Amino acid sequence: MLPQQWASPCGNQCTHKYATLMQIPWRVFCKKGCDADGETWDECLSECEEICYKDPVLKDRQWSAYIDRSPGAANYSEECFHACVAGCGYKFEKCKEKVDEVRPSRPLPPKPVPVEKPQNPPATKPGEPAEDVPCTSA
């Protein structure tokens, strides 16, 4: 058996798509899409959402989402989802266009509201002491 035959064809496609060192986490999630238990395309996509987005681990305990092993940050979850969907696409032999148009059913988190910095007090002239600095030395 040759090394190329050790992995499934789906796993090999994930390895080629996410070949660089910085893409190893996405390669893993692509292969999770290949190995998903779903028998249909839609079931596979559902598993990708379950894998890639944080949910409470304990029912009715929202704080327990922090111990979920999903990527966490919104952009990482989305990247994970697309990698996993690529794996599902390889598994079910879907065309690239079909895979690229898939979007997660979860709403995107709201963009953070920019925080306004407080105005700096006017600077004193060089050599002029500020009003709250005593004139005597310690």
Protein backbone atom coordinates (compact mmCIF):
# COMPACT_ATOMS: atom_id res chain seq x y z
CA MET A 1 0.00 0.00 0.00
CA LEU A 2 1.39 3.38 -1.02
CA PRO A 3 1.26 6.41 1.32
CA GLN A 4 -1.18 8.16 -1.05
CA GLN A 5 -3.63 5.32 -0.44
CA TRP A 6 -3.59 5.62 3.37
CA ALA A 7 -6.19 8.38 3.43
CA SER A 8 -9.57 8.47 1.77
CA PRO A 9 -9.87 10.38 -1.52
CA CYS A 10 -11.93 12.96 0.37
CA GLY A 11 -9.18 13.39 2.98
CA ASN A 12 -6.56 13.72 0.24
CA GLN A 13 -8.57 16.52 -1.37
CA CYS A 14 -8.69 18.32 2.00
CA THR A 15 -4.93 17.90 2.34
CA HIS A 16 -4.39 19.48 -1.06
CA LYS A 17 -6.86 22.32 -0.50
CA TYR A 18 -5.44 23.25 2.92
CA ALA A 19 -1.79 22.39 2.28
CA THR A 20 0.08 25.25 3.96
CA LEU A 21 1.23 25.12 7.56
CA MET A 22 -1.10 27.98 8.56
CA GLN A 23 -4.09 26.06 7.17
CA ILE A 24 -3.66 22.88 9.24
CA PRO A 25 -6.62 23.66 11.55
CA TRP A 26 -8.89 24.11 8.53
CA ARG A 27 -7.57 20.88 7.01
CA VAL A 28 -8.67 19.11 10.19
CA PHE A 29 -12.19 20.57 9.94
CA CYS A 30 -12.36 19.73 6.23
CA LYS A 31 -11.57 16.12 7.11
CA LYS A 32 -14.26 16.23 9.81
CA GLY A 33 -16.68 17.07 6.99
CA CYS A 34 -15.38 14.04 5.08
CA ASP A 35 -15.91 11.83 8.11
CA ALA A 36 -19.27 13.28 9.17
CA ASP A 37 -21.91 10.70 10.08
CA GLY A 38 -24.64 12.39 8.04
CA GLU A 39 -26.06 10.27 5.24
CA THR A 40 -27.16 13.30 3.19
CA TRP A 41 -25.72 16.64 2.14
CA ASP A 42 -28.05 18.53 4.51
CA GLU A 43 -27.18 16.29 7.46
CA CYS A 44 -23.49 16.86 6.78
CA LEU A 45 -24.00 20.65 6.73
CA SER A 46 -25.90 20.40 10.01
CA GLU A 47 -22.97 18.54 11.56
CA CYS A 48 -20.60 21.27 10.35
CA GLU A 49 -22.66 23.88 12.19
CA GLU A 50 -22.62 21.74 15.30
CA ILE A 51 -18.84 21.26 15.08
CA CYS A 52 -17.91 24.86 14.30
CA TYR A 53 -20.19 27.04 16.44
CA LYS A 54 -20.15 27.24 20.22
CA ASP A 55 -23.26 25.97 21.93
CA PRO A 56 -23.93 25.35 25.61
CA VAL A 57 -22.59 21.98 26.66
CA LEU A 58 -25.03 21.78 29.56
CA LYS A 59 -28.66 22.30 28.65
CA ASP A 60 -30.06 25.68 29.76
CA ARG A 61 -26.63 26.85 30.97
CA GLN A 62 -25.44 29.44 28.47
CA TRP A 63 -22.10 29.88 30.28
CA SER A 64 -21.21 26.27 29.44
CA ALA A 65 -20.66 27.28 25.80
CA TYR A 66 -17.20 28.39 26.92
CA ILE A 67 -16.16 24.76 27.40
CA ASP A 68 -17.40 23.72 23.95
CA ARG A 69 -14.41 22.75 21.80
CA SER A 70 -15.50 24.80 18.78
CA PRO A 71 -13.11 27.45 17.46
CA GLY A 72 -14.77 30.30 19.35
CA ALA A 73 -14.13 33.61 17.60
CA ALA A 74 -16.79 34.41 15.01
CA ASN A 75 -14.36 34.60 12.08
CA TYR A 76 -12.76 31.27 13.12
CA SER A 77 -16.18 29.61 13.39
CA GLU A 78 -17.07 30.83 9.92
CA GLU A 79 -13.74 29.66 8.47
CA CYS A 80 -14.20 26.30 10.22
CA PHE A 81 -17.69 26.00 8.75
CA HIS A 82 -16.47 26.65 5.20
CA ALA A 83 -13.65 24.11 5.59
CA CYS A 84 -16.06 21.51 6.95
CA VAL A 85 -18.52 22.21 4.11
CA ALA A 86 -15.66 21.71 1.64
CA GLY A 87 -15.17 18.25 3.18
CA CYS A 88 -18.90 17.54 2.83
CA GLY A 89 -18.66 18.68 -0.79
CA TYR A 90 -15.83 16.23 -1.46
CA LYS A 91 -17.72 13.45 0.32
CA PHE A 92 -20.95 13.97 -1.63
CA GLU A 93 -19.17 14.99 -4.87
CA LYS A 94 -20.76 18.44 -5.05
CA CYS A 95 -19.43 21.02 -7.51
CA LYS A 96 -17.30 23.86 -6.17
CA GLU A 97 -19.98 26.46 -6.98
CA LYS A 98 -22.56 24.60 -4.88
CA VAL A 99 -20.10 24.35 -1.97
CA ASP A 100 -19.15 28.05 -2.21
CA GLU A 101 -22.76 29.25 -2.01
CA VAL A 102 -23.46 27.49 1.31
CA ARG A 103 -23.81 29.88 4.24
CA PRO A 104 -24.29 29.00 7.91
CA SER A 105 -27.89 29.24 9.10
CA ARG A 106 -26.74 30.97 12.26
CA PRO A 107 -26.94 34.75 12.30
CA LEU A 108 -23.64 36.55 12.15
CA PRO A 109 -22.73 38.29 15.40
CA PRO A 110 -23.31 42.05 15.39
CA LYS A 111 -20.35 44.21 14.50
CA PRO A 112 -18.78 45.75 17.60
CA VAL A 113 -19.83 49.33 18.23
CA PRO A 114 -16.82 51.63 18.02
CA VAL A 115 -15.93 53.06 21.41
CA GLU A 116 -15.28 56.78 21.47
CA LYS A 117 -12.16 57.78 23.32
CA PRO A 118 -12.64 60.51 25.92
CA GLN A 119 -11.25 63.88 24.97
CA ASN A 120 -7.78 64.52 26.35
CA PRO A 121 -7.57 67.57 28.61
CA PRO A 122 -5.75 70.49 27.02
CA ALA A 123 -2.01 70.12 27.45
CA THR A 124 -0.14 72.73 29.46
CA LYS A 125 2.70 74.68 27.93
CA PRO A 126 6.15 73.14 28.43
CA GLY A 127 7.73 74.38 31.64
CA GLU A 128 4.37 75.44 33.06
CA PRO A 129 3.22 73.20 35.95
CA ALA A 130 -0.22 71.68 35.81
CA GLU A 131 -2.72 73.04 38.32
CA ASP A 132 -2.87 69.87 40.41
CA VAL A 133 0.90 69.57 40.86
CA PRO A 134 2.17 71.16 44.09
CA CYS A 135 4.96 73.69 43.70
CA THR A 136 7.08 72.22 46.47
CA SER A 137 9.37 69.26 46.13
CA ALA A 138 9.23 66.35 48.53
